[in-house]
Protein backbone atom coordinates (compact mmCIF):
# COMPACT_ATOMS: atom_id res chain seq x y z
CA UNK A 1 90.65 139.12 74.74
CA UNK A 2 89.54 135.91 76.46
CA UNK A 3 86.06 137.17 76.27
CA UNK A 4 85.81 139.71 73.57
CA UNK A 5 84.55 142.81 74.56
CA UNK A 6 82.06 144.90 72.88
CA UNK A 7 83.83 148.05 71.99
CA UNK A 8 87.13 145.51 70.59
CA UNK A 9 83.99 143.63 68.27
CA UNK A 10 82.61 146.84 66.85
CA UNK A 11 86.60 147.50 65.91
CA UNK A 12 87.31 144.30 64.13
CA UNK A 13 83.50 144.49 62.52
CA UNK A 14 84.17 147.97 61.51
CA UNK A 15 87.52 146.99 60.04
CA UNK A 16 86.06 144.04 58.07
CA UNK A 17 83.74 146.64 56.60
CA UNK A 18 86.48 149.07 55.68
CA UNK A 19 87.79 146.36 53.47
CA UNK A 20 84.20 144.65 52.16
CA UNK A 21 84.70 146.20 48.53
CA UNK A 22 88.18 144.36 48.31
CA UNK A 23 88.79 141.04 45.82
CA UNK A 24 90.40 139.25 48.32
CA UNK A 25 90.26 140.98 51.71
CA UNK A 26 91.21 138.29 54.25
CA UNK A 27 94.86 139.13 54.67
CA UNK A 28 94.78 142.88 54.83
CA UNK A 29 91.89 142.48 57.38
CA UNK A 30 94.30 139.90 59.50
CA UNK A 31 97.27 142.34 59.87
CA UNK A 32 95.30 145.35 60.43
CA UNK A 33 93.61 142.92 63.28
CA UNK A 34 96.93 141.62 64.27
CA UNK A 35 98.61 144.83 64.44
CA UNK A 36 95.44 146.36 66.23
CA UNK A 37 95.48 143.66 68.87
CA UNK A 38 98.45 141.54 68.59
CA UNK A 39 97.19 138.51 68.11
CA UNK A 40 93.68 136.64 65.93
CA UNK A 41 92.02 134.46 68.81
CA UNK A 42 89.86 132.09 67.33
CA UNK A 43 87.08 134.42 68.97
CA UNK A 44 88.30 137.08 66.36
CA UNK A 45 88.46 134.77 63.89
CA UNK A 46 84.79 133.98 64.03
CA UNK A 47 83.99 137.26 63.87
CA UNK A 48 85.39 137.60 60.90
CA UNK A 49 83.96 135.09 59.67
CA UNK A 50 80.28 136.47 59.93
CA UNK A 51 81.61 139.86 58.73
CA UNK A 52 83.20 138.75 55.38
CA UNK A 53 81.54 135.18 54.83
CA UNK A 54 84.71 133.19 55.16
CA UNK A 55 84.72 129.96 56.72
CA UNK A 56 86.32 129.83 59.84
CA UNK A 57 88.62 127.00 59.08
CA UNK A 58 90.08 128.92 56.38
CA UNK A 59 90.57 131.98 58.01
CA UNK A 60 92.42 129.72 60.87
CA UNK A 61 94.07 128.19 57.88
CA UNK A 62 95.94 131.67 56.82
CA UNK A 63 96.31 133.06 60.41
CA UNK A 64 98.44 129.16 60.84
CA UNK A 65 100.49 129.32 57.75
CA UNK A 66 102.05 132.60 57.86
CA UNK A 67 104.04 133.29 60.67
CA UNK A 68 103.85 137.06 61.49
CA UNK A 69 100.33 135.91 62.54
CA UNK A 70 99.52 134.37 65.98
CA UNK A 71 97.06 132.77 67.94
CA UNK A 72 97.99 133.85 71.02
CA UNK A 73 99.12 137.13 72.16
CA UNK A 74 103.05 138.02 72.06
CA UNK A 75 105.49 139.51 74.83
CA UNK A 76 106.48 142.86 75.31
CA UNK A 77 110.00 141.88 73.43
CA UNK A 78 109.76 139.44 70.35
CA UNK A 79 113.09 137.62 70.04
CA UNK A 80 113.68 136.54 66.70
CA UNK A 81 116.58 134.09 66.27
CA UNK A 82 117.73 133.97 62.78
CA UNK A 83 118.37 129.78 61.90
CA UNK A 84 118.69 130.66 57.85
CA UNK A 85 122.14 129.17 56.32
CA UNK A 86 124.38 131.22 57.21
CA UNK A 87 123.61 131.89 60.77
CA UNK A 88 122.68 127.86 61.52
CA UNK A 89 126.26 127.09 60.36
CA UNK A 90 127.58 130.36 62.50
CA UNK A 91 126.29 128.66 65.74
CA UNK A 92 122.80 130.29 65.92
CA UNK A 93 120.96 127.10 66.85
CA UNK A 94 123.18 126.96 70.22
CA UNK A 95 121.93 131.08 70.66
CA UNK A 96 118.66 130.25 70.59
CA UNK A 97 118.64 127.08 72.40
CA UNK A 98 120.41 129.33 75.25
CA UNK A 99 117.53 131.84 74.71
CA UNK A 100 115.36 128.79 75.55
CA UNK A 101 116.87 127.57 78.85
CA UNK A 102 117.50 131.00 80.49
CA UNK A 103 114.09 132.36 79.65
CA UNK A 104 112.68 128.37 80.14
CA UNK A 105 110.19 128.62 77.10
CA UNK A 106 110.48 127.22 73.29
CA UNK A 107 110.12 128.84 70.25
CA UNK A 108 106.32 130.18 69.88
CA UNK A 109 106.15 130.74 73.60
CA UNK A 110 106.34 133.45 75.65
CA UNK A 111 107.27 134.43 79.28
CA UNK A 112 105.07 133.58 82.35
CA UNK A 113 105.35 137.59 82.96
CA UNK A 114 103.91 138.38 79.31
CA UNK A 115 108.03 140.08 78.79
CA UNK A 116 109.73 137.84 76.15
CA UNK A 117 108.25 135.44 73.14
CA UNK A 118 111.23 132.87 70.84
CA UNK A 119 110.80 133.09 67.55
CA UNK A 120 113.03 130.62 65.35
CA UNK A 121 113.14 132.65 62.14
CA UNK A 122 114.32 131.40 58.41
CA UNK A 123 116.22 134.24 57.47
CA UNK A 124 116.36 137.93 59.11
CA UNK A 125 118.44 139.55 55.89
CA UNK A 126 121.41 139.65 57.85
CA UNK A 127 123.96 137.38 56.21
CA UNK A 128 126.82 138.91 56.68
CA UNK A 129 126.31 139.93 60.39
CA UNK A 130 125.72 136.32 60.95
CA UNK A 131 125.03 134.61 63.84
CA UNK A 132 121.66 137.08 64.11
CA UNK A 133 119.08 138.23 66.13
CA UNK A 134 116.39 140.67 66.20
CA UNK A 135 114.92 141.88 69.16
CA UNK A 136 111.81 144.20 68.14
CA UNK A 137 113.25 144.64 65.27
CA UNK A 138 116.82 145.63 66.08
CA UNK A 139 119.60 143.31 65.01
CA UNK A 140 121.70 141.63 67.42
CA UNK A 141 124.81 141.11 65.21
CA UNK A 142 127.91 138.58 65.37
CA UNK A 143 126.20 136.58 68.44
CA UNK A 144 127.52 134.18 71.02
CA UNK A 145 125.96 132.06 73.86
CA UNK A 146 128.01 133.93 75.98
CA UNK A 147 125.97 137.51 74.63
CA UNK A 148 122.56 136.41 75.21
CA UNK A 149 122.16 136.59 79.36
CA UNK A 150 123.44 140.84 78.84
CA UNK A 151 120.86 141.22 75.93
CA UNK A 152 117.73 139.22 78.17
CA UNK A 153 119.51 141.92 81.28
CA UNK A 154 119.35 144.53 79.27
CA UNK A 155 115.54 144.30 78.45
CA UNK A 156 114.68 142.88 81.63
CA UNK A 157 116.09 146.52 83.18
CA UNK A 158 114.74 148.48 80.48
CA UNK A 159 111.32 146.97 81.23
CA UNK A 160 111.78 147.86 84.84
CA UNK A 161 112.40 151.62 84.12
């Protein structure tokens, strides 16, 4: 969305207008835009600001506060490694480190080919399966560092089909 296309701008304006009568429309607007485009760059925030009369600084604050919003495009496969207490105690830091090492990116970054994004999560609700990660909603329980390469290979193979 580097140069916001007219059609995209019109769609964002339409989303904003759909919620204009809501008492606090920002979260629902941002959520719908994020679902539609996968991320919310500054130029999109500016369009939302023009339509809602909410300052860009306030919109930016919301986008950067909530981890489910993103300023940058995410990969086709979003790897969320749980670093909550149960997972952390059982070695999830070593698991996220292995994902980062193999993919040559850090948490919050996306691989150059656009396939993978790594996210460090606080809890995915799978404490009894610790350590765990999720990839696009699929949970991988009782992970070990030795399983990480196989998981990456599985998704690379799927992407090449």
